[in-house]
Amino acid sequence: MSVSITIDGVEKKFSAFQALNDVNLQCPAGTFTAILGPSGCGKTTLLRLLAGFDKPTAGEIRFDDEVVSSARYSLPTESRDLGMVFQSFALWPHMTVIEHVLFTFKHRGKPRDKAEALNILRSLELDAHVEKRPAQLSGGQRQRVALARAIAGNPGTLLMDEPLSSLDAELRIGMRREISGLHRANGSTVVYVTHDQEEAMAMADRIVVMNKGQIKQIGAPKDVYTTPQSRFVARFVSKANLARGQWDGSRFYPEGAESGVFWPGERLKDAWASRGCYPVRPEQLTLSSGGNGIAAEVESVQYQGREIHVVFKLAQGVWKAYMPSDVRLEHRQSVKLSLTNSAT
């Protein structure tokens, strides 16, 4: 049965280093929350507190209404009804695939039901590998074994610490589908730590963006991506260019734009009007067809299949843009830039 998670005023210090600072978060039962941020932002520390591997310096963590962690008390990990998937897989080299699942049954006091273990492994396409040991498996197969072991006890909470970072690009995409499917099937409350924006947006109900031990924004993936509330979130999640300029009502006039050029920004006005800038996502930039726009020079072009990644040099600085691959641009070509899809 899934549980709700409440993180209330949590801090964590390691000697003089403040790893977490006044973290407050609620994860409703059955939700999939991605903790997103760069290396060293505190996301893994937060996951370790949820797992019971460490205690907070201040604040408390509750599963439903039960306090499981505080500065004075920590419920043992084995009593928290949770599964854990590690970045390194953490499989036992001497155990076969099915023995990993059966071990979880035994640890959680369930009958060592081989038929049930096979059903779990079959759902992850591991039924042909049940007698193999980790050294005989591919990276993707080992990750599936780690998932099978974690969900075998049908835990109320499932914690994942960058579980896909060691897989190649194609395997990561496939494993995203596997993890999303498992979440729908067993309904556990999932907390998933990652530094990969695409990974978080592809799977999570909500994204929690962290930096320097603090939460910077919480919201649905689309809201965090299209309506960042700070420079950090705009840069880290949206890969946005920060355009300097002036606001007039709900309209933004960028520096260097020719007369009459404006970029609507109603949804972002409240967060950005006082900053004198506007976050422009790379996919929003387009070549101006009418000759109006901001003067720019092509600095580099990288072909990416269905799109090209372009770096432009402007009076404001360097901007990135994603454009259709049929757009033809050359090094040092002079162009005019405009904004499209400004309402989304």
C-alpha atoms as a PDB file:
ATOM      1  CA  MET A   1       0.000   0.000   0.000  1.00  0.00           C
ATOM      2  CA  SER A   2       1.483   3.361  -1.032  1.00  0.00           C
ATOM      3  CA  VAL A   3       2.226   5.993   1.592  1.00  0.00           C
ATOM      4  CA  SER A   4       2.354   9.768   1.613  1.00  0.00           C
ATOM      5  CA  ILE A   5       5.707  11.396   2.392  1.00  0.00           C
ATOM      6  CA  THR A   6       6.084  14.673   4.274  1.00  0.00           C
ATOM      7  CA  ILE A   7       9.463  16.400   4.563  1.00  0.00           C
ATOM      8  CA  ASP A   8       9.158  19.210   7.100  1.00  0.00           C
ATOM      9  CA  GLY A   9      11.939  21.778   7.608  1.00  0.00           C
ATOM     10  CA  VAL A  10      14.701  19.245   7.007  1.00  0.00           C
ATOM     11  CA  GLU A  11      18.334  20.291   7.278  1.00  0.00           C
ATOM     12  CA  LYS A  12      21.475  18.203   7.015  1.00  0.00           C
ATOM     13  CA  LYS A  13      24.997  19.268   7.925  1.00  0.00           C
ATOM     14  CA  PHE A  14      28.243  17.386   7.496  1.00  0.00           C
ATOM     15  CA  SER A  15      30.594  19.239   9.868  1.00  0.00           C
ATOM     16  CA  ALA A  16      30.519  22.824   8.540  1.00  0.00           C
ATOM     17  CA  PHE A  17      28.978  21.879   5.182  1.00  0.00           C
ATOM     18  CA  GLN A  18      25.234  22.535   4.823  1.00  0.00           C
ATOM     19  CA  ALA A  19      24.006  19.792   2.458  1.00  0.00           C
ATOM     20  CA  LEU A  20      20.287  20.531   2.937  1.00  0.00           C
ATOM     21  CA  ASN A  21      18.733  23.783   4.104  1.00  0.00           C
ATOM     22  CA  ASP A  22      15.080  24.030   5.216  1.00  0.00           C
ATOM     23  CA  VAL A  23      13.673  21.485   2.754  1.00  0.00           C
ATOM     24  CA  ASN A  24       9.872  21.203   2.757  1.00  0.00           C
ATOM     25  CA  LEU A  25       8.093  18.779   0.455  1.00  0.00           C
ATOM     26  CA  GLN A  26       4.963  16.644   0.296  1.00  0.00           C
ATOM     27  CA  CYS A  27       4.686  13.580  -1.926  1.00  0.00           C
ATOM     28  CA  PRO A  28       1.072  12.335  -1.956  1.00  0.00           C
ATOM     29  CA  ALA A  29       0.516   8.586  -1.863  1.00  0.00           C
ATOM     30  CA  GLY A  30       0.953   6.902  -5.232  1.00  0.00           C
ATOM     31  CA  THR A  31       2.689   9.823  -6.942  1.00  0.00           C
ATOM     32  CA  PHE A  32       5.930   9.794  -8.928  1.00  0.00           C
ATOM     33  CA  THR A  33       8.205  12.634  -7.813  1.00  0.00           C
ATOM     34  CA  ALA A  34      11.508  13.354  -9.540  1.00  0.00           C
ATOM     35  CA  ILE A  35      14.185  15.199  -7.555  1.00  0.00           C
ATOM     36  CA  LEU A  36      16.158  17.036 -10.237  1.00  0.00           C
ATOM     37  CA  GLY A  37      19.374  18.986  -9.863  1.00  0.00           C
ATOM     38  CA  PRO A  38      23.094  19.150 -10.630  1.00  0.00           C
ATOM     39  CA  SER A  39      25.736  17.093  -8.854  1.00  0.00           C
ATOM     40  CA  GLY A  40      26.205  18.231  -5.266  1.00  0.00           C
ATOM     41  CA  CYS A  41      22.792  19.901  -4.945  1.00  0.00           C
ATOM     42  CA  GLY A  42      21.671  17.616  -2.076  1.00  0.00           C
ATOM     43  CA  LYS A  43      19.265  15.325  -3.907  1.00  0.00           C
ATOM     44  CA  THR A  44      21.036  12.070  -2.992  1.00  0.00           C
ATOM     45  CA  THR A  45      21.443  13.261   0.600  1.00  0.00           C
ATOM     46  CA  LEU A  46      17.677  13.781   0.731  1.00  0.00           C
ATOM     47  CA  LEU A  47      17.077  10.282  -0.640  1.00  0.00           C
ATOM     48  CA  ARG A  48      19.423   8.799   1.986  1.00  0.00           C
ATOM     49  CA  LEU A  49      17.392  10.503   4.698  1.00  0.00           C
ATOM     50  CA  LEU A  50      14.189   9.029   3.262  1.00  0.00           C
ATOM     51  CA  ALA A  51      15.812   5.599   3.218  1.00  0.00           C
ATOM     52  CA  GLY A  52      17.052   5.886   6.801  1.00  0.00           C
ATOM     53  CA  PHE A  53      20.740   5.679   5.930  1.00  0.00           C
ATOM     54  CA  ASP A  54      21.324   9.064   7.632  1.00  0.00           C
ATOM     55  CA  LYS A  55      19.483  11.245  10.151  1.00  0.00           C
ATOM     56  CA  PRO A  56      18.598  14.922   9.542  1.00  0.00           C
ATOM     57  CA  THR A  57      20.310  17.606  11.585  1.00  0.00           C
ATOM     58  CA  ALA A  58      16.940  19.332  11.989  1.00  0.00           C
ATOM     59  CA  GLY A  59      13.333  18.835  10.900  1.00  0.00           C
ATOM     60  CA  GLU A  60      11.484  15.573  10.423  1.00  0.00           C
ATOM     61  CA  ILE A  61      10.281  13.125   7.796  1.00  0.00           C
ATOM     62  CA  ARG A  62       6.899  11.383   8.051  1.00  0.00           C
ATOM     63  CA  PHE A  63       5.508   8.415   6.165  1.00  0.00           C
ATOM     64  CA  ASP A  64       1.748   8.931   6.388  1.00  0.00           C
ATOM     65  CA  ASP A  65       1.439  10.184   9.989  1.00  0.00           C
ATOM     66  CA  GLU A  66       4.451   8.300  11.377  1.00  0.00           C
ATOM     67  CA  VAL A  67       7.710  10.121  12.060  1.00  0.00           C
ATOM     68  CA  VAL A  68      10.458   8.001  10.531  1.00  0.00           C
ATOM     69  CA  SER A  69      13.371  10.475  10.756  1.00  0.00           C
ATOM     70  CA  SER A  70      14.301  13.400  12.967  1.00  0.00           C
ATOM     71  CA  ALA A  71      17.432  14.700  14.628  1.00  0.00           C
ATOM     72  CA  ARG A  72      16.753  12.419  17.626  1.00  0.00           C
ATOM     73  CA  TYR A  73      15.157   9.384  16.019  1.00  0.00           C
ATOM     74  CA  SER A  74      15.474   7.232  12.930  1.00  0.00           C
ATOM     75  CA  LEU A  75      13.247   4.259  12.144  1.00  0.00           C
ATOM     76  CA  PRO A  76      15.483   1.458  10.851  1.00  0.00           C
ATOM     77  CA  THR A  77      15.566   1.136   7.063  1.00  0.00           C
ATOM     78  CA  GLU A  78      14.209  -2.409   7.171  1.00  0.00           C
ATOM     79  CA  SER A  79      11.098  -1.174   9.022  1.00  0.00           C
ATOM     80  CA  ARG A  80      10.167   1.538   6.488  1.00  0.00           C
ATOM     81  CA  ASP A  81       8.342  -0.596   3.890  1.00  0.00           C
ATOM     82  CA  LEU A  82      10.465   0.656   1.019  1.00  0.00           C
ATOM     83  CA  GLY A  83      12.389  -0.612  -1.969  1.00  0.00           C
ATOM     84  CA  MET A  84      15.631   0.939  -3.167  1.00  0.00           C
ATOM     85  CA  VAL A  85      17.256   0.967  -6.594  1.00  0.00           C
ATOM     86  CA  PHE A  86      20.854   2.138  -6.630  1.00  0.00           C
ATOM     87  CA  GLN A  87      22.885   3.747  -9.404  1.00  0.00           C
ATOM     88  CA  SER A  88      25.423   0.902  -9.194  1.00  0.00           C
ATOM     89  CA  PHE A  89      22.692  -1.835  -9.254  1.00  0.00           C
ATOM     90  CA  ALA A  90      24.173  -3.300  -5.995  1.00  0.00           C
ATOM     91  CA  LEU A  91      23.453  -6.902  -7.009  1.00  0.00           C
ATOM     92  CA  TRP A  92      24.961  -9.861  -5.153  1.00  0.00           C
ATOM     93  CA  PRO A  93      27.438 -11.573  -7.496  1.00  0.00           C
ATOM     94  CA  HIS A  94      26.896 -15.060  -6.067  1.00  0.00           C
ATOM     95  CA  MET A  95      23.083 -14.995  -6.450  1.00  0.00           C
ATOM     96  CA  THR A  96      21.083 -15.892  -9.533  1.00  0.00           C
ATOM     97  CA  VAL A  97      18.400 -13.605 -10.894  1.00  0.00           C
ATOM     98  CA  ILE A  98      15.555 -15.482  -9.222  1.00  0.00           C
ATOM     99  CA  GLU A  99      17.477 -15.745  -5.943  1.00  0.00           C
ATOM    100  CA  HIS A 100      17.549 -11.926  -5.758  1.00  0.00           C
ATOM    101  CA  VAL A 101      13.764 -11.860  -5.844  1.00  0.00           C
ATOM    102  CA  LEU A 102      13.356 -14.771  -3.449  1.00  0.00           C
ATOM    103  CA  PHE A 103      15.733 -13.085  -0.999  1.00  0.00           C
ATOM    104  CA  THR A 104      13.436 -10.037  -0.910  1.00  0.00           C
ATOM    105  CA  PHE A 105      10.454 -12.311  -0.207  1.00  0.00           C
ATOM    106  CA  LYS A 106      12.332 -13.873   2.705  1.00  0.00           C
ATOM    107  CA  HIS A 107      13.530 -10.521   4.053  1.00  0.00           C
ATOM    108  CA  ARG A 108       9.982  -9.127   4.041  1.00  0.00           C
ATOM    109  CA  GLY A 109       8.530 -12.245   5.652  1.00  0.00           C
ATOM    110  CA  LYS A 110       6.747 -13.511   2.560  1.00  0.00           C
ATOM    111  CA  PRO A 111       6.657 -17.157   1.438  1.00  0.00           C
ATOM    112  CA  ARG A 112       9.461 -18.036  -0.985  1.00  0.00           C
ATOM    113  CA  ASP A 113       6.967 -18.458  -3.823  1.00  0.00           C
ATOM    114  CA  LYS A 114       8.912 -19.297  -6.970  1.00  0.00           C
ATOM    115  CA  ALA A 115       5.836 -18.907  -9.187  1.00  0.00           C
ATOM    116  CA  GLU A 116       5.283 -15.345  -7.958  1.00  0.00           C
ATOM    117  CA  ALA A 117       8.973 -14.568  -8.444  1.00  0.00           C
ATOM    118  CA  LEU A 118       8.749 -15.832 -12.029  1.00  0.00           C
ATOM    119  CA  ASN A 119       5.716 -13.609 -12.656  1.00  0.00           C
ATOM    120  CA  ILE A 120       7.692 -10.552 -11.546  1.00  0.00           C
ATOM    121  CA  LEU A 121      10.670 -11.527 -13.699  1.00  0.00           C
ATOM    122  CA  ARG A 122       8.401 -12.267 -16.664  1.00  0.00           C
ATOM    123  CA  SER A 123       6.925  -8.767 -16.435  1.00  0.00           C
ATOM    124  CA  LEU A 124      10.469  -7.405 -16.850  1.00  0.00           C
ATOM    125  CA  GLU A 125      11.372  -9.861 -19.627  1.00  0.00           C
ATOM    126  CA  LEU A 126      13.847 -11.671 -17.400  1.00  0.00           C
ATOM    127  CA  ASP A 127      12.183 -15.096 -17.342  1.00  0.00           C
ATOM    128  CA  ALA A 128      14.788 -16.487 -19.769  1.00  0.00           C
ATOM    129  CA  HIS A 129      17.624 -15.463 -17.431  1.00  0.00           C
ATOM    130  CA  VAL A 130      16.411 -16.694 -14.032  1.00  0.00           C
ATOM    131  CA  GLU A 131      19.428 -18.944 -13.359  1.00  0.00           C
ATOM    132  CA  LYS A 132      22.072 -16.461 -14.515  1.00  0.00           C
ATOM    133  CA  ARG A 133      24.284 -14.445 -12.185  1.00  0.00           C
ATOM    134  CA  PRO A 134      24.929 -10.693 -12.590  1.00  0.00           C
ATOM    135  CA  ALA A 135      28.237 -11.183 -14.417  1.00  0.00           C
ATOM    136  CA  GLN A 136      26.348 -13.054 -17.160  1.00  0.00           C
ATOM    137  CA  LEU A 137      23.900 -10.214 -17.785  1.00  0.00           C
ATOM    138  CA  SER A 138      23.974  -6.999 -19.808  1.00  0.00           C
ATOM    139  CA  GLY A 139      23.704  -3.600 -18.126  1.00  0.00           C
ATOM    140  CA  GLY A 140      20.030  -3.308 -18.986  1.00  0.00           C
ATOM    141  CA  GLN A 141      19.308  -6.785 -17.660  1.00  0.00           C
ATOM    142  CA  ARG A 142      21.138  -6.058 -14.392  1.00  0.00           C
ATOM    143  CA  GLN A 143      19.075  -2.913 -13.980  1.00  0.00           C
ATOM    144  CA  ARG A 144      15.888  -4.951 -14.481  1.00  0.00           C
ATOM    145  CA  VAL A 145      17.046  -7.377 -11.776  1.00  0.00           C
ATOM    146  CA  ALA A 146      17.574  -4.448  -9.400  1.00  0.00           C
ATOM    147  CA  LEU A 147      14.041  -3.250 -10.184  1.00  0.00           C
ATOM    148  CA  ALA A 148      12.598  -6.744  -9.715  1.00  0.00           C
ATOM    149  CA  ARG A 149      14.278  -7.056  -6.321  1.00  0.00           C
ATOM    150  CA  ALA A 150      13.014  -3.624  -5.250  1.00  0.00           C
ATOM    151  CA  ILE A 151       9.371  -4.248  -6.171  1.00  0.00           C
ATOM    152  CA  ALA A 152       9.234  -7.889  -5.057  1.00  0.00           C
ATOM    153  CA  GLY A 153       7.870  -6.978  -1.651  1.00  0.00           C
ATOM    154  CA  ASN A 154       5.312  -4.547  -3.128  1.00  0.00           C
ATOM    155  CA  PRO A 155       6.735  -1.695  -1.013  1.00  0.00           C
ATOM    156  CA  GLY A 156       4.722   1.377  -0.127  1.00  0.00           C
ATOM    157  CA  THR A 157       7.661   3.577  -1.163  1.00  0.00           C
ATOM    158  CA  LEU A 158      10.151   3.065  -3.978  1.00  0.00           C
ATOM    159  CA  LEU A 159      13.352   5.139  -3.910  1.00  0.00           C
ATOM    160  CA  MET A 160      15.612   5.373  -6.963  1.00  0.00           C
ATOM    161  CA  ASP A 161      19.045   7.010  -7.056  1.00  0.00           C
ATOM    162  CA  GLU A 162      20.004   7.808 -10.679  1.00  0.00           C
ATOM    163  CA  PRO A 163      19.362   4.187 -11.685  1.00  0.00           C
ATOM    164  CA  LEU A 164      19.776   4.749 -15.436  1.00  0.00           C
ATOM    165  CA  SER A 165      22.910   6.897 -15.531  1.00  0.00           C
ATOM    166  CA  SER A 166      25.242   4.014 -16.389  1.00  0.00           C
ATOM    167  CA  LEU A 167      23.145   2.785 -19.335  1.00  0.00           C
ATOM    168  CA  ASP A 168      23.512   3.836 -22.954  1.00  0.00           C
ATOM    169  CA  ALA A 169      20.983   6.207 -24.544  1.00  0.00           C
ATOM    170  CA  GLU A 170      18.746   3.569 -26.154  1.00  0.00           C
ATOM    171  CA  LEU A 171      18.596   1.450 -23.004  1.00  0.00           C
ATOM    172  CA  ARG A 172      17.728   4.493 -20.897  1.00  0.00           C
ATOM    173  CA  ILE A 173      14.711   5.238 -23.082  1.00  0.00           C
ATOM    174  CA  GLY A 174      13.537   1.634 -22.804  1.00  0.00           C
ATOM    175  CA  MET A 175      14.033   1.569 -19.039  1.00  0.00           C
ATOM    176  CA  ARG A 176      12.017   4.782 -18.651  1.00  0.00           C
ATOM    177  CA  ARG A 177       9.064   2.901 -20.125  1.00  0.00           C
ATOM    178  CA  GLU A 178       9.703  -0.053 -17.818  1.00  0.00           C
ATOM    179  CA  ILE A 179       9.817   2.109 -14.693  1.00  0.00           C
ATOM    180  CA  SER A 180       6.712   4.084 -15.675  1.00  0.00           C
ATOM    181  CA  GLY A 181       4.864   0.834 -16.331  1.00  0.00           C
ATOM    182  CA  LEU A 182       5.919  -0.586 -12.966  1.00  0.00           C
ATOM    183  CA  HIS A 183       4.692   2.537 -11.212  1.00  0.00           C
ATOM    184  CA  ARG A 184       1.295   2.262 -12.877  1.00  0.00           C
ATOM    185  CA  ALA A 185       1.096  -1.427 -12.016  1.00  0.00           C
ATOM    186  CA  ASN A 186       2.071  -1.430  -8.333  1.00  0.00           C
ATOM    187  CA  GLY A 187       1.090   2.104  -7.284  1.00  0.00           C
ATOM    188  CA  SER A 188       4.031   2.696  -4.940  1.00  0.00           C
ATOM    189  CA  THR A 189       4.979   6.248  -4.017  1.00  0.00           C
ATOM    190  CA  VAL A 190       8.104   6.824  -6.103  1.00  0.00           C
ATOM    191  CA  VAL A 191      10.890   9.304  -5.345  1.00  0.00           C
ATOM    192  CA  TYR A 192      13.372   9.330  -8.197  1.00  0.00           C
ATOM    193  CA  VAL A 193      16.688  11.218  -8.081  1.00  0.00           C
ATOM    194  CA  THR A 194      18.257  12.328 -11.357  1.00  0.00           C
ATOM    195  CA  HIS A 195      20.308  15.079 -12.981  1.00  0.00           C
ATOM    196  CA  ASP A 196      18.747  14.336 -16.394  1.00  0.00           C
ATOM    197  CA  GLN A 197      15.944  16.768 -17.282  1.00  0.00           C
ATOM    198  CA  GLU A 198      14.512  14.585 -20.057  1.00  0.00           C
ATOM    199  CA  GLU A 199      14.391  11.590 -17.743  1.00  0.00           C
ATOM    200  CA  ALA A 200      12.517  13.526 -15.068  1.00  0.00           C
ATOM    201  CA  MET A 201      10.002  15.024 -17.492  1.00  0.00           C
ATOM    202  CA  ALA A 202       9.352  11.698 -19.217  1.00  0.00           C
ATOM    203  CA  MET A 203       8.339   9.810 -16.076  1.00  0.00           C
ATOM    204  CA  ALA A 204       7.364  12.054 -13.176  1.00  0.00           C
ATOM    205  CA  ASP A 205       4.026  13.507 -12.091  1.00  0.00           C
ATOM    206  CA  ARG A 206       5.923  16.299 -10.358  1.00  0.00           C
ATOM    207  CA  ILE A 207       9.433  17.660 -10.549  1.00  0.00           C
ATOM    208  CA  VAL A 208      11.316  19.115  -7.587  1.00  0.00           C
ATOM    209  CA  VAL A 209      14.255  21.225  -8.744  1.00  0.00           C
ATOM    210  CA  MET A 210      17.089  21.554  -6.229  1.00  0.00           C
ATOM    211  CA  ASN A 211      20.271  23.612  -6.076  1.00  0.00           C
ATOM    212  CA  LYS A 212      22.767  24.150  -3.268  1.00  0.00           C
ATOM    213  CA  GLY A 213      20.694  22.211  -0.744  1.00  0.00           C
ATOM    214  CA  GLN A 214      17.445  24.081  -1.360  1.00  0.00           C
ATOM    215  CA  ILE A 215      14.278  23.494  -3.370  1.00  0.00           C
ATOM    216  CA  LYS A 216      14.007  26.079  -6.141  1.00  0.00           C
ATOM    217  CA  GLN A 217      10.717  25.039  -7.735  1.00  0.00           C
ATOM    218  CA  ILE A 218       8.060  22.324  -7.536  1.00  0.00           C
ATOM    219  CA  GLY A 219       5.523  21.624 -10.248  1.00  0.00           C
ATOM    220  CA  ALA A 220       4.235  19.473 -13.066  1.00  0.00           C
ATOM    221  CA  PRO A 221       6.896  18.817 -15.727  1.00  0.00           C
ATOM    222  CA  LYS A 222       5.293  21.166 -18.268  1.00  0.00           C
ATOM    223  CA  ASP A 223       4.935  23.994 -15.737  1.00  0.00           C
ATOM    224  CA  VAL A 224       8.531  23.728 -14.550  1.00  0.00           C
ATOM    225  CA  TYR A 225       9.770  23.661 -18.134  1.00  0.00           C
ATOM    226  CA  THR A 226       7.638  26.439 -19.640  1.00  0.00           C
ATOM    227  CA  THR A 227       7.284  28.692 -16.585  1.00  0.00           C
ATOM    228  CA  PRO A 228      10.570  28.666 -14.670  1.00  0.00           C
ATOM    229  CA  GLN A 229      10.488  30.860 -11.583  1.00  0.00           C
ATOM    230  CA  SER A 230      14.204  31.643 -11.281  1.00  0.00           C
ATOM    231  CA  ARG A 231      17.343  32.065 -13.344  1.00  0.00           C
ATOM    232  CA  PHE A 232      18.668  28.732 -12.124  1.00  0.00           C
ATOM    233  CA  VAL A 233      15.554  26.760 -13.116  1.00  0.00           C
ATOM    234  CA  ALA A 234      15.394  28.552 -16.477  1.00  0.00           C
ATOM    235  CA  ARG A 235      18.996  27.660 -17.245  1.00  0.00           C
ATOM    236  CA  PHE A 236      19.056  24.143 -15.798  1.00  0.00           C
ATOM    237  CA  VAL A 237      15.660  22.784 -16.856  1.00  0.00           C
ATOM    238  CA  SER A 238      14.696  24.828 -19.916  1.00  0.00           C
ATOM    239  CA  LYS A 239      18.259  25.524 -21.150  1.00  0.00           C
ATOM    240  CA  ALA A 240      16.913  29.038 -21.636  1.00  0.00           C
ATOM    241  CA  ASN A 241      18.685  32.096 -22.938  1.00  0.00           C
ATOM    242  CA  LEU A 242      18.102  35.072 -20.649  1.00  0.00           C
ATOM    243  CA  ALA A 243      17.161  38.005 -22.864  1.00  0.00           C
ATOM    244  CA  ARG A 244      17.728  41.478 -21.444  1.00  0.00           C
ATOM    245  CA  GLY A 245      15.107  44.121 -22.111  1.00  0.00           C
ATOM    246  CA  GLN A 246      12.161  46.111 -20.794  1.00  0.00           C
ATOM    247  CA  TRP A 247       8.688  45.046 -19.740  1.00  0.00           C
ATOM    248  CA  ASP A 248       5.631  47.075 -20.684  1.00  0.00           C
ATOM    249  CA  GLY A 249       2.567  45.515 -19.148  1.00  0.00           C
ATOM    250  CA  SER A 250       2.587  41.865 -20.197  1.00  0.00           C
ATOM    251  CA  ARG A 251       4.875  42.485 -23.172  1.00  0.00           C
ATOM    252  CA  PHE A 252       8.638  42.277 -23.235  1.00  0.00           C
ATOM    253  CA  TYR A 253      10.853  44.335 -25.552  1.00  0.00           C
ATOM    254  CA  PRO A 254      14.330  42.826 -25.878  1.00  0.00           C
ATOM    255  CA  GLU A 255      17.451  44.936 -26.201  1.00  0.00           C
ATOM    256  CA  GLY A 256      18.602  45.180 -29.805  1.00  0.00           C
ATOM    257  CA  ALA A 257      15.183  44.445 -31.297  1.00  0.00           C
ATOM    258  CA  GLU A 258      14.052  46.714 -34.086  1.00  0.00           C
ATOM    259  CA  SER A 259      11.104  49.017 -33.546  1.00  0.00           C
ATOM    260  CA  GLY A 260       7.813  47.192 -33.281  1.00  0.00           C
ATOM    261  CA  VAL A 261       9.257  43.839 -32.242  1.00  0.00           C
ATOM    262  CA  PHE A 262       7.829  42.501 -28.958  1.00  0.00           C
ATOM    263  CA  TRP A 263       7.685  39.095 -27.287  1.00  0.00           C
ATOM    264  CA  PRO A 264       4.502  38.348 -25.313  1.00  0.00           C
ATOM    265  CA  GLY A 265       5.191  36.980 -21.856  1.00  0.00           C
ATOM    266  CA  GLU A 266       1.955  36.929 -19.834  1.00  0.00           C
ATOM    267  CA  ARG A 267       2.637  33.608 -18.086  1.00  0.00           C
ATOM    268  CA  LEU A 268       6.139  34.649 -17.064  1.00  0.00           C
ATOM    269  CA  LYS A 269       5.488  38.271 -16.197  1.00  0.00           C
ATOM    270  CA  ASP A 270       5.047  37.896 -12.428  1.00  0.00           C
ATOM    271  CA  ALA A 271       8.300  35.979 -11.956  1.00  0.00           C
ATOM    272  CA  TRP A 272      10.429  37.969 -14.366  1.00  0.00           C
ATOM    273  CA  ALA A 273       9.178  41.584 -14.644  1.00  0.00           C
ATOM    274  CA  SER A 274      11.365  42.773 -11.763  1.00  0.00           C
ATOM    275  CA  ARG A 275      14.461  41.140 -13.252  1.00  0.00           C
ATOM    276  CA  GLY A 276      14.509  43.044 -16.528  1.00  0.00           C
ATOM    277  CA  CYS A 277      14.978  39.835 -18.497  1.00  0.00           C
ATOM    278  CA  TYR A 278      12.986  37.013 -20.079  1.00  0.00           C
ATOM    279  CA  PRO A 279      13.814  33.281 -20.424  1.00  0.00           C
ATOM    280  CA  VAL A 280      13.821  32.283 -24.087  1.00  0.00           C
ATOM    281  CA  ARG A 281      13.960  28.536 -24.643  1.00  0.00           C
ATOM    282  CA  PRO A 282      16.142  27.325 -27.539  1.00  0.00           C
ATOM    283  CA  GLU A 283      13.186  25.870 -29.463  1.00  0.00           C
ATOM    284  CA  GLN A 284      11.369  29.230 -29.330  1.00  0.00           C
ATOM    285  CA  LEU A 285      13.937  30.991 -31.498  1.00  0.00           C
ATOM    286  CA  THR A 286      13.318  31.167 -35.227  1.00  0.00           C
ATOM    287  CA  LEU A 287      14.703  33.079 -38.194  1.00  0.00           C
ATOM    288  CA  SER A 288      12.781  36.275 -38.845  1.00  0.00           C
ATOM    289  CA  SER A 289      11.069  36.199 -42.251  1.00  0.00           C
ATOM    290  CA  GLY A 290      10.164  39.887 -42.369  1.00  0.00           C
ATOM    291  CA  GLY A 291      13.584  41.331 -41.681  1.00  0.00           C
ATOM    292  CA  ASN A 292      12.620  42.557 -38.212  1.00  0.00           C
ATOM    293  CA  GLY A 293      14.168  40.966 -35.169  1.00  0.00           C
ATOM    294  CA  ILE A 294      17.418  40.858 -33.260  1.00  0.00           C
ATOM    295  CA  ALA A 295      20.638  40.902 -35.262  1.00  0.00           C
ATOM    296  CA  ALA A 296      22.752  37.799 -34.718  1.00  0.00           C
ATOM    297  CA  GLU A 297      25.679  35.947 -36.218  1.00  0.00           C
ATOM    298  CA  VAL A 298      25.955  32.170 -36.553  1.00  0.00           C
ATOM    299  CA  GLU A 299      28.807  30.911 -34.400  1.00  0.00           C
ATOM    300  CA  SER A 300      28.327  27.133 -34.755  1.00  0.00           C
ATOM    301  CA  VAL A 301      25.874  24.559 -36.111  1.00  0.00           C
ATOM    302  CA  GLN A 302      25.566  20.941 -34.942  1.00  0.00           C
ATOM    303  CA  TYR A 303      23.427  18.474 -36.882  1.00  0.00           C
ATOM    304  CA  GLN A 304      21.269  16.302 -34.556  1.00  0.00           C
ATOM    305  CA  GLY A 305      19.096  14.389 -37.020  1.00  0.00           C
ATOM    306  CA  ARG A 306      15.623  15.893 -36.855  1.00  0.00           C
ATOM    307  CA  GLU A 307      16.985  19.249 -35.669  1.00  0.00           C
ATOM    308  CA  ILE A 308      20.094  21.391 -35.617  1.00  0.00           C
ATOM    309  CA  HIS A 309      21.605  22.997 -32.523  1.00  0.00           C
ATOM    310  CA  VAL A 310      22.800  26.493 -33.321  1.00  0.00           C
ATOM    311  CA  VAL A 311      24.886  28.920 -31.286  1.00  0.00           C
ATOM    312  CA  PHE A 312      24.303  32.579 -32.153  1.00  0.00           C
ATOM    313  CA  LYS A 313      26.404  35.555 -31.167  1.00  0.00           C
ATOM    314  CA  LEU A 314      24.383  38.680 -30.316  1.00  0.00           C
ATOM    315  CA  ALA A 315      25.082  42.038 -28.729  1.00  0.00           C
ATOM    316  CA  GLN A 316      23.512  40.500 -25.580  1.00  0.00           C
ATOM    317  CA  GLY A 317      25.917  37.571 -25.615  1.00  0.00           C
ATOM    318  CA  VAL A 318      25.706  33.958 -26.830  1.00  0.00           C
ATOM    319  CA  TRP A 319      22.354  32.238 -27.328  1.00  0.00           C
ATOM    320  CA  LYS A 320      21.451  28.632 -28.147  1.00  0.00           C
ATOM    321  CA  ALA A 321      18.668  27.631 -30.543  1.00  0.00           C
ATOM    322  CA  TYR A 322      17.090  24.369 -31.726  1.00  0.00           C
ATOM    323  CA  MET A 323      15.784  24.551 -35.286  1.00  0.00           C
ATOM    324  CA  PRO A 324      14.456  22.098 -37.908  1.00  0.00           C
ATOM    325  CA  SER A 325      17.224  20.253 -39.701  1.00  0.00           C
ATOM    326  CA  ASP A 326      16.154  21.645 -43.085  1.00  0.00           C
ATOM    327  CA  VAL A 327      17.202  25.169 -42.007  1.00  0.00           C
ATOM    328  CA  ARG A 328      20.431  26.050 -43.799  1.00  0.00           C
ATOM    329  CA  LEU A 329      22.905  28.174 -41.859  1.00  0.00           C
ATOM    330  CA  GLU A 330      26.609  28.820 -42.308  1.00  0.00           C
ATOM    331  CA  HIS A 331      29.368  29.907 -39.959  1.00  0.00           C
ATOM    332  CA  ARG A 332      29.440  33.706 -39.503  1.00  0.00           C
ATOM    333  CA  GLN A 333      26.191  34.159 -41.435  1.00  0.00           C
ATOM    334  CA  SER A 334      24.242  37.271 -40.367  1.00  0.00           C
ATOM    335  CA  VAL A 335      20.566  36.680 -39.516  1.00  0.00           C
ATOM    336  CA  LYS A 336      17.635  38.209 -37.640  1.00  0.00           C
ATOM    337  CA  LEU A 337      16.017  36.240 -34.810  1.00  0.00           C
ATOM    338  CA  SER A 338      12.387  36.249 -33.685  1.00  0.00           C
ATOM    339  CA  LEU A 339      10.391  34.296 -31.134  1.00  0.00           C
ATOM    340  CA  THR A 340       7.737  31.669 -31.843  1.00  0.00           C
ATOM    341  CA  ASN A 341       5.387  29.667 -29.583  1.00  0.00           C
ATOM    342  CA  SER A 342       5.618  32.380 -26.934  1.00  0.00           C
ATOM    343  CA  ALA A 343       2.329  31.375 -25.286  1.00  0.00           C
ATOM    344  CA  THR A 344       3.543  27.902 -24.306  1.00  0.00           C
END
